[in-house]
Amino acid sequence: MAVMSLVLVVQVVLVVAAVALVAPVLVSVRGSADARRRLARARTASGEVVAVTDVGGQAVPTVRYHVGSERLETTPRTPRPSARYLVAQPVDVRYDPQDPAWMTLEAVPGDARVPGARHAVASGVVAGVLLVAAAFLQLLR
């Protein structure tokens, strides 16, 4: 009886671990799809870097740009991991006309990046292995 309850506990742990691996990937995939939609309807504006902050070893610029009569100041939603920014540096901004505060930066026109689902394949494979192990334990019961 104790072995069966231990097997059940291990199965629950395996399933919870699989869900914990897959959930962030699904959120990332959804965010990538949202960024693709926004970039598809994006407009271009000229901006200027007004500040640079170090976030986890990555330089994240704060950019000021104008959309119509509105002056906006924000950080890009899809930062370039290896880019270097200087205060007062001019930048090209791609913004969503339906939500002008959402923007990203381009080094050259058309190169705005859509964030990828990080580690999606590896997480999916590991989650699959965990679920197969849980199913195998079910067969042993």
C-alpha atoms as a PDB file:
ATOM      1  CA  MET A   1       0.000   0.000   0.000  1.00  0.00           C
ATOM      2  CA  ALA A   2       2.832   2.395   0.901  1.00  0.00           C
ATOM      3  CA  VAL A   3       4.539   1.685  -2.438  1.00  0.00           C
ATOM      4  CA  MET A   4       1.353   2.572  -4.330  1.00  0.00           C
ATOM      5  CA  SER A   5       0.995   5.900  -2.516  1.00  0.00           C
ATOM      6  CA  LEU A   6       4.679   6.642  -3.156  1.00  0.00           C
ATOM      7  CA  VAL A   7       4.134   5.909  -6.866  1.00  0.00           C
ATOM      8  CA  LEU A   8       1.122   8.252  -6.874  1.00  0.00           C
ATOM      9  CA  VAL A   9       3.172  11.010  -5.236  1.00  0.00           C
ATOM     10  CA  VAL A  10       5.952  10.547  -7.810  1.00  0.00           C
ATOM     11  CA  GLN A  11       3.381  10.681 -10.651  1.00  0.00           C
ATOM     12  CA  VAL A  12       1.916  13.926  -9.314  1.00  0.00           C
ATOM     13  CA  VAL A  13       5.389  15.426  -8.971  1.00  0.00           C
ATOM     14  CA  LEU A  14       6.266  14.408 -12.549  1.00  0.00           C
ATOM     15  CA  VAL A  15       3.062  15.928 -13.971  1.00  0.00           C
ATOM     16  CA  VAL A  16       3.479  19.153 -11.959  1.00  0.00           C
ATOM     17  CA  ALA A  17       7.096  19.430 -13.129  1.00  0.00           C
ATOM     18  CA  ALA A  18       6.006  18.954 -16.759  1.00  0.00           C
ATOM     19  CA  VAL A  19       3.380  21.691 -16.425  1.00  0.00           C
ATOM     20  CA  ALA A  20       5.930  23.977 -14.741  1.00  0.00           C
ATOM     21  CA  LEU A  21       8.264  23.490 -17.721  1.00  0.00           C
ATOM     22  CA  VAL A  22       5.626  24.037 -20.398  1.00  0.00           C
ATOM     23  CA  ALA A  23       3.723  26.997 -18.884  1.00  0.00           C
ATOM     24  CA  PRO A  24       6.510  29.605 -19.345  1.00  0.00           C
ATOM     25  CA  VAL A  25       7.064  28.404 -22.920  1.00  0.00           C
ATOM     26  CA  LEU A  26       3.373  28.887 -23.721  1.00  0.00           C
ATOM     27  CA  VAL A  27       3.459  32.402 -22.247  1.00  0.00           C
ATOM     28  CA  SER A  28       6.571  33.177 -24.316  1.00  0.00           C
ATOM     29  CA  VAL A  29       4.970  31.841 -27.512  1.00  0.00           C
ATOM     30  CA  ARG A  30       1.902  33.982 -26.862  1.00  0.00           C
ATOM     31  CA  GLY A  31       4.127  37.042 -26.318  1.00  0.00           C
ATOM     32  CA  SER A  32       5.951  36.354 -29.584  1.00  0.00           C
ATOM     33  CA  ALA A  33       2.659  36.129 -31.478  1.00  0.00           C
ATOM     34  CA  ASP A  34       1.539  39.429 -29.936  1.00  0.00           C
ATOM     35  CA  ALA A  35       4.836  41.087 -30.942  1.00  0.00           C
ATOM     36  CA  ARG A  36       4.452  39.776 -34.524  1.00  0.00           C
ATOM     37  CA  ARG A  37       0.938  41.280 -34.761  1.00  0.00           C
ATOM     38  CA  ARG A  38       2.154  44.607 -33.404  1.00  0.00           C
ATOM     39  CA  LEU A  39       5.148  44.714 -35.752  1.00  0.00           C
ATOM     40  CA  ALA A  40       2.910  43.903 -38.726  1.00  0.00           C
ATOM     41  CA  ARG A  41       0.961  47.137 -38.164  1.00  0.00           C
ATOM     42  CA  ALA A  42       3.887  49.169 -36.772  1.00  0.00           C
ATOM     43  CA  ARG A  43       4.825  52.658 -37.866  1.00  0.00           C
ATOM     44  CA  THR A  44       8.260  54.265 -37.718  1.00  0.00           C
ATOM     45  CA  ALA A  45       9.326  57.323 -35.743  1.00  0.00           C
ATOM     46  CA  SER A  46      12.626  58.948 -34.879  1.00  0.00           C
ATOM     47  CA  GLY A  47      13.669  58.750 -31.268  1.00  0.00           C
ATOM     48  CA  GLU A  48      16.494  59.569 -28.943  1.00  0.00           C
ATOM     49  CA  VAL A  49      18.019  57.555 -26.105  1.00  0.00           C
ATOM     50  CA  VAL A  50      17.492  59.531 -22.883  1.00  0.00           C
ATOM     51  CA  ALA A  51      18.851  56.961 -20.408  1.00  0.00           C
ATOM     52  CA  VAL A  52      20.528  53.550 -20.341  1.00  0.00           C
ATOM     53  CA  THR A  53      19.920  51.086 -17.514  1.00  0.00           C
ATOM     54  CA  ASP A  54      21.770  47.847 -16.830  1.00  0.00           C
ATOM     55  CA  VAL A  55      19.199  45.065 -16.384  1.00  0.00           C
ATOM     56  CA  GLY A  56      20.801  41.704 -15.714  1.00  0.00           C
ATOM     57  CA  GLY A  57      23.969  42.638 -17.610  1.00  0.00           C
ATOM     58  CA  GLN A  58      21.992  43.924 -20.602  1.00  0.00           C
ATOM     59  CA  ALA A  59      21.900  47.596 -21.598  1.00  0.00           C
ATOM     60  CA  VAL A  60      18.248  48.679 -21.822  1.00  0.00           C
ATOM     61  CA  PRO A  61      17.645  52.146 -23.247  1.00  0.00           C
ATOM     62  CA  THR A  62      14.853  54.539 -22.344  1.00  0.00           C
ATOM     63  CA  VAL A  63      13.804  56.273 -25.555  1.00  0.00           C
ATOM     64  CA  ARG A  64      11.889  59.487 -26.169  1.00  0.00           C
ATOM     65  CA  TYR A  65       9.886  59.753 -29.392  1.00  0.00           C
ATOM     66  CA  HIS A  66       6.862  61.604 -30.731  1.00  0.00           C
ATOM     67  CA  VAL A  67       3.661  60.175 -32.199  1.00  0.00           C
ATOM     68  CA  GLY A  68       1.520  63.026 -33.487  1.00  0.00           C
ATOM     69  CA  SER A  69       1.422  65.608 -30.721  1.00  0.00           C
ATOM     70  CA  GLU A  70       2.090  62.987 -28.025  1.00  0.00           C
ATOM     71  CA  ARG A  71       5.584  62.751 -26.506  1.00  0.00           C
ATOM     72  CA  LEU A  72       6.400  59.252 -25.283  1.00  0.00           C
ATOM     73  CA  GLU A  73       9.280  57.963 -23.199  1.00  0.00           C
ATOM     74  CA  THR A  74       9.608  54.219 -22.688  1.00  0.00           C
ATOM     75  CA  THR A  75      11.854  51.166 -23.003  1.00  0.00           C
ATOM     76  CA  PRO A  76      11.666  48.787 -25.979  1.00  0.00           C
ATOM     77  CA  ARG A  77       9.518  45.676 -25.546  1.00  0.00           C
ATOM     78  CA  THR A  78      11.884  43.562 -27.625  1.00  0.00           C
ATOM     79  CA  PRO A  79      15.382  44.733 -26.630  1.00  0.00           C
ATOM     80  CA  ARG A  80      18.386  43.776 -28.711  1.00  0.00           C
ATOM     81  CA  PRO A  81      20.559  41.565 -26.481  1.00  0.00           C
ATOM     82  CA  SER A  82      23.969  42.689 -27.733  1.00  0.00           C
ATOM     83  CA  ALA A  83      23.212  46.288 -28.693  1.00  0.00           C
ATOM     84  CA  ARG A  84      25.035  49.221 -27.104  1.00  0.00           C
ATOM     85  CA  TYR A  85      23.268  52.499 -26.481  1.00  0.00           C
ATOM     86  CA  LEU A  86      24.501  55.965 -25.580  1.00  0.00           C
ATOM     87  CA  VAL A  87      22.505  58.814 -24.094  1.00  0.00           C
ATOM     88  CA  ALA A  88      21.521  61.293 -26.860  1.00  0.00           C
ATOM     89  CA  GLN A  89      21.975  58.594 -29.526  1.00  0.00           C
ATOM     90  CA  PRO A  90      19.336  58.871 -32.278  1.00  0.00           C
ATOM     91  CA  VAL A  91      17.371  55.645 -32.863  1.00  0.00           C
ATOM     92  CA  ASP A  92      14.613  54.452 -35.165  1.00  0.00           C
ATOM     93  CA  VAL A  93      11.518  53.403 -33.266  1.00  0.00           C
ATOM     94  CA  ARG A  94       8.823  50.994 -34.469  1.00  0.00           C
ATOM     95  CA  TYR A  95       5.634  51.619 -32.498  1.00  0.00           C
ATOM     96  CA  ASP A  96       2.156  50.143 -32.501  1.00  0.00           C
ATOM     97  CA  PRO A  97      -0.317  52.813 -33.688  1.00  0.00           C
ATOM     98  CA  GLN A  98      -3.051  51.171 -31.579  1.00  0.00           C
ATOM     99  CA  ASP A  99      -0.819  51.412 -28.485  1.00  0.00           C
ATOM    100  CA  PRO A 100       1.966  53.965 -29.201  1.00  0.00           C
ATOM    101  CA  ALA A 101       3.703  53.268 -25.879  1.00  0.00           C
ATOM    102  CA  TRP A 102       4.553  49.774 -27.221  1.00  0.00           C
ATOM    103  CA  MET A 103       7.725  50.103 -29.251  1.00  0.00           C
ATOM    104  CA  THR A 104      10.888  48.394 -30.295  1.00  0.00           C
ATOM    105  CA  LEU A 105      14.104  49.643 -31.881  1.00  0.00           C
ATOM    106  CA  GLU A 106      15.699  49.012 -35.252  1.00  0.00           C
ATOM    107  CA  ALA A 107      19.396  49.145 -36.065  1.00  0.00           C
ATOM    108  CA  VAL A 108      18.441  49.332 -39.736  1.00  0.00           C
ATOM    109  CA  PRO A 109      14.911  49.645 -41.149  1.00  0.00           C
ATOM    110  CA  GLY A 110      13.059  46.342 -41.069  1.00  0.00           C
ATOM    111  CA  ASP A 111      15.232  44.493 -38.556  1.00  0.00           C
ATOM    112  CA  ALA A 112      12.940  44.775 -35.522  1.00  0.00           C
ATOM    113  CA  ARG A 113      13.189  41.449 -33.729  1.00  0.00           C
ATOM    114  CA  VAL A 114      10.357  39.273 -32.512  1.00  0.00           C
ATOM    115  CA  PRO A 115      11.335  37.573 -29.262  1.00  0.00           C
ATOM    116  CA  GLY A 116      11.559  33.819 -29.614  1.00  0.00           C
ATOM    117  CA  ALA A 117      10.265  31.252 -27.188  1.00  0.00           C
ATOM    118  CA  ARG A 118      13.373  30.585 -25.164  1.00  0.00           C
ATOM    119  CA  HIS A 119      14.316  26.965 -24.709  1.00  0.00           C
ATOM    120  CA  ALA A 120      10.953  25.879 -26.161  1.00  0.00           C
ATOM    121  CA  VAL A 121      12.165  22.642 -27.751  1.00  0.00           C
ATOM    122  CA  ALA A 122      14.244  21.526 -24.771  1.00  0.00           C
ATOM    123  CA  SER A 123      11.437  22.301 -22.321  1.00  0.00           C
ATOM    124  CA  GLY A 124       8.947  20.446 -24.504  1.00  0.00           C
ATOM    125  CA  VAL A 125      11.163  17.372 -24.744  1.00  0.00           C
ATOM    126  CA  VAL A 126      11.828  17.279 -21.000  1.00  0.00           C
ATOM    127  CA  ALA A 127       8.114  17.796 -20.247  1.00  0.00           C
ATOM    128  CA  GLY A 128       7.288  14.945 -22.642  1.00  0.00           C
ATOM    129  CA  VAL A 129       9.767  12.629 -20.944  1.00  0.00           C
ATOM    130  CA  LEU A 130       8.287  13.484 -17.538  1.00  0.00           C
ATOM    131  CA  LEU A 131       4.758  12.755 -18.763  1.00  0.00           C
ATOM    132  CA  VAL A 132       5.854   9.457 -20.334  1.00  0.00           C
ATOM    133  CA  ALA A 133       7.501   8.496 -17.035  1.00  0.00           C
ATOM    134  CA  ALA A 134       4.270   9.336 -15.161  1.00  0.00           C
ATOM    135  CA  ALA A 135       2.262   7.214 -17.643  1.00  0.00           C
ATOM    136  CA  PHE A 136       4.731   4.343 -17.293  1.00  0.00           C
ATOM    137  CA  LEU A 137       4.341   4.451 -13.510  1.00  0.00           C
ATOM    138  CA  GLN A 138       0.588   4.292 -14.011  1.00  0.00           C
ATOM    139  CA  LEU A 139       1.017   1.057 -15.981  1.00  0.00           C
ATOM    140  CA  LEU A 140       3.067  -0.424 -13.127  1.00  0.00           C
ATOM    141  CA  ARG A 141       0.326   0.250 -10.600  1.00  0.00           C
END
